[in-house]
Amino acid sequence: TRAMGDYAPILWLLFACGVAGTALAALGSWLLAKRITRP
């Protein structure tokens, strides 16, 4: 448990990158959906 505590900053950094990537993917898919909805 103490050894894993040393890696906590790396995991939090990965989590932050994941949240940002999810937000960008949601925005891009929303724009794409608007373009192809009518056909």
Full PDB file with SEQRES, HELIX, SHEET, SSBOND, CRYST1, ORIGX, SCALE, CONECT and MASTER records, all heavy atoms in Angstrom:
SEQRES   1 A   39  THR ARG ALA MET GLY ASP TYR ALA PRO ILE LEU TRP LEU          
SEQRES   2 A   39  LEU PHE ALA CYS GLY VAL ALA GLY THR ALA LEU ALA ALA          
SEQRES   3 A   39  LEU GLY SER TRP LEU LEU ALA LYS ARG ILE THR ARG PRO          
HELIX    1 AA1 ARG A    2  GLY A    5  1                                   4    
HELIX    2 AA2 ALA A    8  ILE A   36  1                                  29    
CRYST1    1.000    1.000    1.000  90.00  90.00  90.00 P 1           1          
ORIGX1      1.000000  0.000000  0.000000        0.00000                         
ORIGX2      0.000000  1.000000  0.000000        0.00000                         
ORIGX3      0.000000  0.000000  1.000000        0.00000                         
SCALE1      1.000000  0.000000  0.000000        0.00000                         
SCALE2      0.000000  1.000000  0.000000        0.00000                         
SCALE3      0.000000  0.000000  1.000000        0.00000                         
ATOM      1  N   THR A   1       0.831  -1.207   0.000  1.00  0.00           N  
ATOM      2  CA  THR A   1       0.000   0.000   0.000  1.00  0.00           C  
ATOM      3  C   THR A   1       0.865   1.256   0.000  1.00  0.00           C  
ATOM      4  O   THR A   1       0.609   2.215  -0.746  1.00  0.00           O  
ATOM      5  CB  THR A   1      -0.929  -0.009   1.223  1.00  0.00           C  
ATOM      6  OG1 THR A   1      -1.721  -1.204   1.216  1.00  0.00           O  
ATOM      7  CG2 THR A   1      -1.849   1.202   1.218  1.00  0.00           C  
ATOM      8  N   ARG A   2       1.921   1.237   0.813  1.00  0.00           N  
ATOM      9  CA  ARG A   2       2.816   2.403   0.853  1.00  0.00           C  
ATOM     10  C   ARG A   2       3.569   2.560  -0.460  1.00  0.00           C  
ATOM     11  O   ARG A   2       3.778   3.668  -0.951  1.00  0.00           O  
ATOM     12  CB  ARG A   2       3.798   2.243   2.024  1.00  0.00           C  
ATOM     13  CG  ARG A   2       4.701   3.464   2.221  1.00  0.00           C  
ATOM     14  CD  ARG A   2       5.550   3.303   3.453  1.00  0.00           C  
ATOM     15  NE  ARG A   2       6.471   2.168   3.281  1.00  0.00           N  
ATOM     16  CZ  ARG A   2       7.250   1.701   4.268  1.00  0.00           C  
ATOM     17  NH1 ARG A   2       7.185   2.234   5.469  1.00  0.00           N  
ATOM     18  NH2 ARG A   2       8.057   0.689   4.043  1.00  0.00           N  
ATOM     19  N   ALA A   3       3.948   1.415  -1.061  1.00  0.00           N  
ATOM     20  CA  ALA A   3       4.645   1.502  -2.346  1.00  0.00           C  
ATOM     21  C   ALA A   3       3.746   2.080  -3.427  1.00  0.00           C  
ATOM     22  O   ALA A   3       4.186   2.876  -4.267  1.00  0.00           O  
ATOM     23  CB  ALA A   3       5.142   0.111  -2.751  1.00  0.00           C  
ATOM     24  N   MET A   4       2.466   1.674  -3.418  1.00  0.00           N  
ATOM     25  CA  MET A   4       1.538   2.198  -4.429  1.00  0.00           C  
ATOM     26  C   MET A   4       1.263   3.682  -4.222  1.00  0.00           C  
ATOM     27  O   MET A   4       0.914   4.399  -5.162  1.00  0.00           O  
ATOM     28  CB  MET A   4       0.228   1.420  -4.376  1.00  0.00           C  
ATOM     29  CG  MET A   4       0.326   0.015  -4.970  1.00  0.00           C  
ATOM     30  SD  MET A   4       0.797   0.049  -6.706  1.00  0.00           S  
ATOM     31  CE  MET A   4      -0.582   0.932  -7.398  1.00  0.00           C  
ATOM     32  N   GLY A   5       1.393   4.140  -2.988  1.00  0.00           N  
ATOM     33  CA  GLY A   5       1.179   5.561  -2.737  1.00  0.00           C  
ATOM     34  C   GLY A   5       2.162   6.443  -3.492  1.00  0.00           C  
ATOM     35  O   GLY A   5       1.855   7.590  -3.830  1.00  0.00           O  
ATOM     36  N   ASP A   6       3.347   5.909  -3.778  1.00  0.00           N  
ATOM     37  CA  ASP A   6       4.338   6.697  -4.512  1.00  0.00           C  
ATOM     38  C   ASP A   6       3.922   6.915  -5.967  1.00  0.00           C  
ATOM     39  O   ASP A   6       4.418   7.837  -6.623  1.00  0.00           O  
ATOM     40  CB  ASP A   6       5.692   5.995  -4.463  1.00  0.00           C  
ATOM     41  CG  ASP A   6       6.212   5.879  -3.027  1.00  0.00           C  
ATOM     42  OD1 ASP A   6       5.801   6.705  -2.186  1.00  0.00           O  
ATOM     43  OD2 ASP A   6       7.015   4.961  -2.756  1.00  0.00           O  
ATOM     44  N   TYR A   7       3.030   6.037  -6.476  1.00  0.00           N  
ATOM     45  CA  TYR A   7       2.609   6.160  -7.877  1.00  0.00           C  
ATOM     46  C   TYR A   7       1.293   6.924  -8.016  1.00  0.00           C  
ATOM     47  O   TYR A   7       0.782   7.076  -9.128  1.00  0.00           O  
ATOM     48  CB  TYR A   7       2.421   4.766  -8.489  1.00  0.00           C  
ATOM     49  CG  TYR A   7       3.707   3.983  -8.606  1.00  0.00           C  
ATOM     50  CD1 TYR A   7       4.044   3.030  -7.653  1.00  0.00           C  
ATOM     51  CD2 TYR A   7       4.571   4.193  -9.670  1.00  0.00           C  
ATOM     52  CE1 TYR A   7       5.220   2.304  -7.752  1.00  0.00           C  
ATOM     53  CE2 TYR A   7       5.744   3.467  -9.783  1.00  0.00           C  
ATOM     54  CZ  TYR A   7       6.072   2.527  -8.822  1.00  0.00           C  
ATOM     55  OH  TYR A   7       7.224   1.802  -8.929  1.00  0.00           O  
ATOM     56  N   ALA A   8       0.715   7.397  -6.917  1.00  0.00           N  
ATOM     57  CA  ALA A   8      -0.581   8.075  -6.977  1.00  0.00           C  
ATOM     58  C   ALA A   8      -0.565   9.296  -7.895  1.00  0.00           C  
ATOM     59  O   ALA A   8      -1.515   9.518  -8.655  1.00  0.00           O  
ATOM     60  CB  ALA A   8      -1.031   8.473  -5.560  1.00  0.00           C  
ATOM     61  N   PRO A   9       0.485  10.132  -7.903  1.00  0.00           N  
ATOM     62  CA  PRO A   9       0.471  11.295  -8.818  1.00  0.00           C  
ATOM     63  C   PRO A   9       0.343  10.896 -10.286  1.00  0.00           C  
ATOM     64  O   PRO A   9      -0.339  11.573 -11.057  1.00  0.00           O  
ATOM     65  CB  PRO A   9       1.815  11.974  -8.533  1.00  0.00           C  
ATOM     66  CG  PRO A   9       2.153  11.577  -7.134  1.00  0.00           C  
ATOM     67  CD  PRO A   9       1.659  10.173  -6.986  1.00  0.00           C  
ATOM     68  N   ILE A  10       0.993   9.796 -10.668  1.00  0.00           N  
ATOM     69  CA  ILE A  10       0.910   9.352 -12.065  1.00  0.00           C  
ATOM     70  C   ILE A  10      -0.521   8.949 -12.400  1.00  0.00           C  
ATOM     71  O   ILE A  10      -1.055   9.294 -13.465  1.00  0.00           O  
ATOM     72  CB  ILE A  10       1.878   8.188 -12.304  1.00  0.00           C  
ATOM     73  CG1 ILE A  10       3.320   8.636 -12.056  1.00  0.00           C  
ATOM     74  CG2 ILE A  10       1.723   7.632 -13.709  1.00  0.00           C  
ATOM     75  CD1 ILE A  10       4.334   7.532 -12.187  1.00  0.00           C  
ATOM     76  N   LEU A  11      -1.179   8.222 -11.494  1.00  0.00           N  
ATOM     77  CA  LEU A  11      -2.549   7.786 -11.738  1.00  0.00           C  
ATOM     78  C   LEU A  11      -3.502   8.967 -11.824  1.00  0.00           C  
ATOM     79  O   LEU A  11      -4.417   8.996 -12.671  1.00  0.00           O  
ATOM     80  CB  LEU A  11      -2.990   6.818 -10.631  1.00  0.00           C  
ATOM     81  CG  LEU A  11      -2.215   5.484 -10.565  1.00  0.00           C  
ATOM     82  CD1 LEU A  11      -2.678   4.670  -9.367  1.00  0.00           C  
ATOM     83  CD2 LEU A  11      -2.418   4.697 -11.848  1.00  0.00           C  
ATOM     84  N   TRP A  12      -3.305   9.952 -10.967  1.00  0.00           N  
ATOM     85  CA  TRP A  12      -4.175  11.142 -11.025  1.00  0.00           C  
ATOM     86  C   TRP A  12      -3.976  11.907 -12.327  1.00  0.00           C  
ATOM     87  O   TRP A  12      -4.928  12.439 -12.908  1.00  0.00           O  
ATOM     88  CB  TRP A  12      -3.913  12.058  -9.833  1.00  0.00           C  
ATOM     89  CG  TRP A  12      -4.575  11.584  -8.579  1.00  0.00           C  
ATOM     90  CD1 TRP A  12      -3.991  11.067  -7.476  1.00  0.00           C  
ATOM     91  CD2 TRP A  12      -5.979  11.599  -8.338  1.00  0.00           C  
ATOM     92  NE1 TRP A  12      -4.936  10.736  -6.537  1.00  0.00           N  
ATOM     93  CE2 TRP A  12      -6.172  11.052  -7.034  1.00  0.00           C  
ATOM     94  CE3 TRP A  12      -7.084  12.011  -9.062  1.00  0.00           C  
ATOM     95  CZ2 TRP A  12      -7.426  10.917  -6.472  1.00  0.00           C  
ATOM     96  CZ3 TRP A  12      -8.332  11.879  -8.497  1.00  0.00           C  
ATOM     97  CH2 TRP A  12      -8.506  11.332  -7.221  1.00  0.00           C  
ATOM     98  N   LEU A  13      -2.736  11.936 -12.808  1.00  0.00           N  
ATOM     99  CA  LEU A  13      -2.466  12.603 -14.082  1.00  0.00           C  
ATOM    100  C   LEU A  13      -3.173  11.878 -15.231  1.00  0.00           C  
ATOM    101  O   LEU A  13      -3.780  12.510 -16.108  1.00  0.00           O  
ATOM    102  CB  LEU A  13      -0.954  12.656 -14.336  1.00  0.00           C  
ATOM    103  CG  LEU A  13      -0.516  13.295 -15.671  1.00  0.00           C  
ATOM    104  CD1 LEU A  13      -0.987  14.745 -15.737  1.00  0.00           C  
ATOM    105  CD2 LEU A  13       1.007  13.213 -15.831  1.00  0.00           C  
ATOM    106  N   LEU A  14      -3.115  10.556 -15.218  1.00  0.00           N  
ATOM    107  CA  LEU A  14      -3.811   9.780 -16.245  1.00  0.00           C  
ATOM    108  C   LEU A  14      -5.324  10.011 -16.170  1.00  0.00           C  
ATOM    109  O   LEU A  14      -6.003  10.111 -17.205  1.00  0.00           O  
ATOM    110  CB  LEU A  14      -3.503   8.290 -16.075  1.00  0.00           C  
ATOM    111  CG  LEU A  14      -2.074   7.854 -16.414  1.00  0.00           C  
ATOM    112  CD1 LEU A  14      -1.893   6.375 -16.076  1.00  0.00           C  
ATOM    113  CD2 LEU A  14      -1.778   8.096 -17.894  1.00  0.00           C  
ATOM    114  N   PHE A  15      -5.850  10.104 -14.957  1.00  0.00           N  
ATOM    115  CA  PHE A  15      -7.279  10.340 -14.790  1.00  0.00           C  
ATOM    116  C   PHE A  15      -7.684  11.695 -15.371  1.00  0.00           C  
ATOM    117  O   PHE A  15      -8.704  11.831 -16.063  1.00  0.00           O  
ATOM    118  CB  PHE A  15      -7.645  10.257 -13.312  1.00  0.00           C  
ATOM    119  CG  PHE A  15      -9.095  10.546 -13.029  1.00  0.00           C  
ATOM    120  CD1 PHE A  15     -10.066   9.609 -13.332  1.00  0.00           C  
ATOM    121  CD2 PHE A  15      -9.482  11.768 -12.489  1.00  0.00           C  
ATOM    122  CE1 PHE A  15     -11.404   9.886 -13.085  1.00  0.00           C  
ATOM    123  CE2 PHE A  15     -10.811  12.035 -12.237  1.00  0.00           C  
ATOM    124  CZ  PHE A  15     -11.778  11.094 -12.536  1.00  0.00           C  
ATOM    125  N   ALA A  16      -6.880  12.717 -15.109  1.00  0.00           N  
ATOM    126  CA  ALA A  16      -7.180  14.059 -15.627  1.00  0.00           C  
ATOM    127  C   ALA A  16      -7.154  14.067 -17.149  1.00  0.00           C  
ATOM    128  O   ALA A  16      -8.017  14.660 -17.806  1.00  0.00           O  
ATOM    129  CB  ALA A  16      -6.178  15.072 -15.066  1.00  0.00           C  
ATOM    130  N   CYS A  17      -6.168  13.375 -17.738  1.00  0.00           N  
ATOM    131  CA  CYS A  17      -6.107  13.288 -19.202  1.00  0.00           C  
ATOM    132  C   CYS A  17      -7.328  12.558 -19.754  1.00  0.00           C  
ATOM    133  O   CYS A  17      -7.872  12.926 -20.810  1.00  0.00           O  
ATOM    134  CB  CYS A  17      -4.822  12.578 -19.626  1.00  0.00           C  
ATOM    135  SG  CYS A  17      -3.315  13.503 -19.272  1.00  0.00           S  
ATOM    136  N   GLY A  18      -7.786  11.550 -19.052  1.00  0.00           N  
ATOM    137  CA  GLY A  18      -8.957  10.800 -19.498  1.00  0.00           C  
ATOM    138  C   GLY A  18     -10.218  11.638 -19.474  1.00  0.00           C  
ATOM    139  O   GLY A  18     -11.043  11.582 -20.397  1.00  0.00           O  
ATOM    140  N   VAL A  19     -10.384  12.440 -18.410  1.00  0.00           N  
ATOM    141  CA  VAL A  19     -11.562  13.301 -18.321  1.00  0.00           C  
ATOM    142  C   VAL A  19     -11.558  14.317 -19.461  1.00  0.00           C  
ATOM    143  O   VAL A  19     -12.577  14.571 -20.118  1.00  0.00           O  
ATOM    144  CB  VAL A  19     -11.615  14.001 -16.954  1.00  0.00           C  
ATOM    145  CG1 VAL A  19     -12.708  15.060 -16.931  1.00  0.00           C  
ATOM    146  CG2 VAL A  19     -11.850  12.969 -15.859  1.00  0.00           C  
ATOM    147  N   ALA A  20     -10.392  14.875 -19.729  1.00  0.00           N  
ATOM    148  CA  ALA A  20     -10.299  15.853 -20.813  1.00  0.00           C  
ATOM    149  C   ALA A  20     -10.588  15.199 -22.159  1.00  0.00           C  
ATOM    150  O   ALA A  20     -11.296  15.754 -23.007  1.00  0.00           O  
ATOM    151  CB  ALA A  20      -8.903  16.485 -20.819  1.00  0.00           C  
ATOM    152  N   GLY A  21     -10.050  13.986 -22.379  1.00  0.00           N  
ATOM    153  CA  GLY A  21     -10.305  13.286 -23.634  1.00  0.00           C  
ATOM    154  C   GLY A  21     -11.775  12.954 -23.813  1.00  0.00           C  
ATOM    155  O   GLY A  21     -12.313  13.047 -24.927  1.00  0.00           O  
ATOM    156  N   THR A  22     -12.440  12.571 -22.722  1.00  0.00           N  
ATOM    157  CA  THR A  22     -13.871  12.261 -22.801  1.00  0.00           C  
ATOM    158  C   THR A  22     -14.678  13.491 -23.192  1.00  0.00           C  
ATOM    159  O   THR A  22     -15.604  13.430 -24.022  1.00  0.00           O  
ATOM    160  CB  THR A  22     -14.356  11.711 -21.453  1.00  0.00           C  
ATOM    161  OG1 THR A  22     -13.608  10.545 -21.105  1.00  0.00           O  
ATOM    162  CG2 THR A  22     -15.832  11.353 -21.514  1.00  0.00           C  
ATOM    163  N   ALA A  23     -14.327  14.622 -22.618  1.00  0.00           N  
ATOM    164  CA  ALA A  23     -15.038  15.861 -22.947  1.00  0.00           C  
ATOM    165  C   ALA A  23     -14.842  16.235 -24.410  1.00  0.00           C  
ATOM    166  O   ALA A  23     -15.789  16.626 -25.110  1.00  0.00           O  
ATOM    167  CB  ALA A  23     -14.561  16.993 -22.036  1.00  0.00           C  
ATOM    168  N   LEU A  24     -13.621  16.102 -24.914  1.00  0.00           N  
ATOM    169  CA  LEU A  24     -13.354  16.422 -26.313  1.00  0.00           C  
ATOM    170  C   LEU A  24     -14.096  15.464 -27.246  1.00  0.00           C  
ATOM    171  O   LEU A  24     -14.631  15.868 -28.284  1.00  0.00           O  
ATOM    172  CB  LEU A  24     -11.849  16.367 -26.578  1.00  0.00           C  
ATOM    173  CG  LEU A  24     -11.008  17.491 -25.951  1.00  0.00           C  
ATOM    174  CD1 LEU A  24      -9.537  17.254 -26.197  1.00  0.00           C  
ATOM    175  CD2 LEU A  24     -11.434  18.857 -26.507  1.00  0.00           C  
ATOM    176  N   ALA A  25     -14.134  14.169 -26.894  1.00  0.00           N  
ATOM    177  CA  ALA A  25     -14.840  13.196 -27.719  1.00  0.00           C  
ATOM    178  C   ALA A  25     -16.339  13.494 -27.760  1.00  0.00           C  
ATOM    179  O   ALA A  25     -16.984  13.370 -28.812  1.00  0.00           O  
ATOM    180  CB  ALA A  25     -14.602  11.790 -27.181  1.00  0.00           C  
ATOM    181  N   ALA A  26     -16.920  13.894 -26.620  1.00  0.00           N  
ATOM    182  CA  ALA A  26     -18.338  14.227 -26.586  1.00  0.00           C  
ATOM    183  C   ALA A  26     -18.638  15.425 -27.478  1.00  0.00           C  
ATOM    184  O   ALA A  26     -19.620  15.442 -28.236  1.00  0.00           O  
ATOM    185  CB  ALA A  26     -18.776  14.509 -25.149  1.00  0.00           C  
ATOM    186  N   LEU A  27     -17.772  16.432 -27.435  1.00  0.00           N  
ATOM    187  CA  LEU A  27     -17.977  17.615 -28.264  1.00  0.00           C  
ATOM    188  C   LEU A  27     -17.871  17.266 -29.746  1.00  0.00           C  
ATOM    189  O   LEU A  27     -18.711  17.672 -30.573  1.00  0.00           O  
ATOM    190  CB  LEU A  27     -16.959  18.695 -27.889  1.00  0.00           C  
ATOM    191  CG  LEU A  27     -17.007  19.990 -28.720  1.00  0.00           C  
ATOM    192  CD1 LEU A  27     -18.368  20.674 -28.566  1.00  0.00           C  
ATOM    193  CD2 LEU A  27     -15.865  20.933 -28.311  1.00  0.00           C  
ATOM    194  N   GLY A  28     -16.843  16.509 -30.119  1.00  0.00           N  
ATOM    195  CA  GLY A  28     -16.665  16.154 -31.522  1.00  0.00           C  
ATOM    196  C   GLY A  28     -17.802  15.292 -32.051  1.00  0.00           C  
ATOM    197  O   GLY A  28     -18.280  15.478 -33.174  1.00  0.00           O  
ATOM    198  N   SER A  29     -18.265  14.333 -31.259  1.00  0.00           N  
ATOM    199  CA  SER A  29     -19.355  13.475 -31.706  1.00  0.00           C  
ATOM    200  C   SER A  29     -20.661  14.251 -31.842  1.00  0.00           C  
ATOM    201  O   SER A  29     -21.479  13.976 -32.717  1.00  0.00           O  
ATOM    202  CB  SER A  29     -19.536  12.302 -30.729  1.00  0.00           C  
ATOM    203  OG  SER A  29     -19.825  12.779 -29.425  1.00  0.00           O  
ATOM    204  N   TRP A  30     -20.838  15.269 -30.987  1.00  0.00           N  
ATOM    205  CA  TRP A  30     -22.055  16.088 -31.099  1.00  0.00           C  
ATOM    206  C   TRP A  30     -22.067  16.874 -32.410  1.00  0.00           C  
ATOM    207  O   TRP A  30     -23.066  16.950 -33.109  1.00  0.00           O  
ATOM    208  CB  TRP A  30     -22.136  17.039 -29.898  1.00  0.00           C  
ATOM    209  CG  TRP A  30     -23.339  17.938 -29.944  1.00  0.00           C  
ATOM    210  CD1 TRP A  30     -24.626  17.609 -29.726  1.00  0.00           C  
ATOM    211  CD2 TRP A  30     -23.331  19.337 -30.252  1.00  0.00           C  
ATOM    212  NE1 TRP A  30     -25.453  18.683 -29.867  1.00  0.00           N  
ATOM    213  CE2 TRP A  30     -24.674  19.785 -30.194  1.00  0.00           C  
ATOM    214  CE3 TRP A  30     -22.315  20.255 -30.563  1.00  0.00           C  
ATOM    215  CZ2 TRP A  30     -25.025  21.097 -30.439  1.00  0.00           C  
ATOM    216  CZ3 TRP A  30     -22.668  21.573 -30.798  1.00  0.00           C  
ATOM    217  CH2 TRP A  30     -24.012  21.984 -30.746  1.00  0.00           C  
ATOM    218  N   LEU A  31     -20.920  17.423 -32.770  1.00  0.00           N  
ATOM    219  CA  LEU A  31     -20.811  18.151 -34.029  1.00  0.00           C  
ATOM    220  C   LEU A  31     -21.014  17.215 -35.223  1.00  0.00           C  
ATOM    221  O   LEU A  31     -21.680  17.565 -36.209  1.00  0.00           O  
ATOM    222  CB  LEU A  31     -19.443  18.837 -34.121  1.00  0.00           C  
ATOM    223  CG  LEU A  31     -19.183  19.949 -33.079  1.00  0.00           C  
ATOM    224  CD1 LEU A  31     -17.757  20.456 -33.190  1.00  0.00           C  
ATOM    225  CD2 LEU A  31     -20.176  21.097 -33.255  1.00  0.00           C  
ATOM    226  N   LEU A  32     -20.439  15.998 -35.149  1.00  0.00           N  
ATOM    227  CA  LEU A  32     -20.590  15.042 -36.237  1.00  0.00           C  
ATOM    228  C   LEU A  32     -22.036  14.578 -36.367  1.00  0.00           C  
ATOM    229  O   LEU A  32     -22.563  14.413 -37.478  1.00  0.00           O  
ATOM    230  CB  LEU A  32     -19.672  13.839 -35.993  1.00  0.00           C  
ATOM    231  CG  LEU A  32     -19.720  12.716 -37.030  1.00  0.00           C  
ATOM    232  CD1 LEU A  32     -19.275  13.233 -38.393  1.00  0.00           C  
ATOM    233  CD2 LEU A  32     -18.846  11.553 -36.590  1.00  0.00           C  
ATOM    234  N   ALA A  33     -22.714  14.381 -35.240  1.00  0.00           N  
ATOM    235  CA  ALA A  33     -24.101  13.924 -35.266  1.00  0.00           C  
ATOM    236  C   ALA A  33     -25.009  14.948 -35.937  1.00  0.00           C  
ATOM    237  O   ALA A  33     -25.931  14.600 -36.681  1.00  0.00           O  
ATOM    238  CB  ALA A  33     -24.585  13.648 -33.841  1.00  0.00           C  
ATOM    239  N   LYS A  34     -24.728  16.240 -35.695  1.00  0.00           N  
ATOM    240  CA  LYS A  34     -25.547  17.270 -36.324  1.00  0.00           C  
ATOM    241  C   LYS A  34     -25.414  17.211 -37.849  1.00  0.00           C  
ATOM    242  O   LYS A  34     -26.375  17.461 -38.578  1.00  0.00           O  
ATOM    243  CB  LYS A  34     -25.123  18.658 -35.820  1.00  0.00           C  
ATOM    244  CG  LYS A  34     -25.557  18.959 -34.392  1.00  0.00           C  
ATOM    245  CD  LYS A  34     -25.238  20.391 -34.027  1.00  0.00           C  
ATOM    246  CE  LYS A  34     -26.040  21.357 -34.890  1.00  0.00           C  
ATOM    247  NZ  LYS A  34     -25.797  22.780 -34.529  1.00  0.00           N  
ATOM    248  N   ARG A  35     -24.223  16.847 -38.330  1.00  0.00           N  
ATOM    249  CA  ARG A  35     -23.989  16.837 -39.771  1.00  0.00           C  
ATOM    250  C   ARG A  35     -24.687  15.684 -40.475  1.00  0.00           C  
ATOM    251  O   ARG A  35     -25.137  15.817 -41.617  1.00  0.00           O  
ATOM    252  CB  ARG A  35     -22.477  16.779 -40.032  1.00  0.00           C  
ATOM    253  CG  ARG A  35     -22.106  16.764 -41.511  1.00  0.00           C  
ATOM    254  CD  ARG A  35     -20.609  16.842 -41.673  1.00  0.00           C  
ATOM    255  NE  ARG A  35     -20.236  16.797 -43.070  1.00  0.00           N  
ATOM    256  CZ  ARG A  35     -20.001  15.682 -43.773  1.00  0.00           C  
ATOM    257  NH1 ARG A  35     -20.128  14.515 -43.161  1.00  0.00           N  
ATOM    258  NH2 ARG A  35     -19.662  15.734 -45.043  1.00  0.00           N  
ATOM    259  N   ILE A  36     -24.783  14.513 -39.815  1.00  0.00           N  
ATOM    260  CA  ILE A  36     -25.319  13.327 -40.494  1.00  0.00           C  
ATOM    261  C   ILE A  36     -26.749  12.976 -40.069  1.00  0.00           C  
ATOM    262  O   ILE A  36     -27.328  12.014 -40.569  1.00  0.00           O  
ATOM    263  CB  ILE A  36     -24.405  12.112 -40.228  1.00  0.00           C  
ATOM    264  CG1 ILE A  36     -24.373  11.755 -38.749  1.00  0.00           C  
ATOM    265  CG2 ILE A  36     -23.011  12.351 -40.734  1.00  0.00           C  
ATOM    266  CD1 ILE A  36     -23.546  10.513 -38.436  1.00  0.00           C  
ATOM    267  N   THR A  37     -27.330  13.749 -39.174  1.00  0.00           N  
ATOM    268  CA  THR A  37     -28.672  13.421 -38.691  1.00  0.00           C  
ATOM    269  C   THR A  37     -29.711  13.506 -39.797  1.00  0.00           C  
ATOM    270  O   THR A  37     -30.571  12.616 -39.931  1.00  0.00           O  
ATOM    271  CB  THR A  37     -29.064  14.365 -37.538  1.00  0.00           C  
ATOM    272  OG1 THR A  37     -28.175  14.187 -36.458  1.00  0.00           O  
ATOM    273  CG2 THR A  37     -30.480  14.091 -37.091  1.00  0.00           C  
ATOM    274  N   ARG A  38     -29.652  14.562 -40.622  1.00  0.00           N  
ATOM    275  CA  ARG A  38     -30.691  14.768 -41.628  1.00  0.00           C  
ATOM    276  C   ARG A  38     -30.706  13.645 -42.669  1.00  0.00           C  
ATOM    277  O   ARG A  38     -31.771  13.084 -42.959  1.00  0.00           O  
ATOM    278  CB  ARG A  38     -30.508  16.134 -42.287  1.00  0.00           C  
ATOM    279  CG  ARG A  38     -31.633  16.490 -43.262  1.00  0.00           C  
ATOM    280  CD  ARG A  38     -31.473  17.880 -43.817  1.00  0.00           C  
ATOM    281  NE  ARG A  38     -31.610  18.896 -42.763  1.00  0.00           N  
ATOM    282  CZ  ARG A  38     -30.601  19.582 -42.247  1.00  0.00           C  
ATOM    283  NH1 ARG A  38     -29.369  19.382 -42.691  1.00  0.00           N  
ATOM    284  NH2 ARG A  38     -30.796  20.474 -41.303  1.00  0.00           N  
ATOM    285  N   PRO A  39     -29.560  13.235 -43.262  1.00  0.00           N  
ATOM    286  CA  PRO A  39     -29.608  12.116 -44.215  1.00  0.00           C  
ATOM    287  C   PRO A  39     -30.073  10.813 -43.580  1.00  0.00           C  
ATOM    288  O   PRO A  39     -30.799  10.024 -44.199  1.00  0.00           O  
ATOM    289  CB  PRO A  39     -28.169  12.023 -44.728  1.00  0.00           C  
ATOM    290  CG  PRO A  39     -27.575  13.372 -44.487  1.00  0.00           C  
ATOM    291  CD  PRO A  39     -28.232  13.866 -43.237  1.00  0.00           C  
TER     292      PRO A  39                                                      
MASTER        0    0    0    2    0    0    0    6  291    1    0    3          
END                                                                             
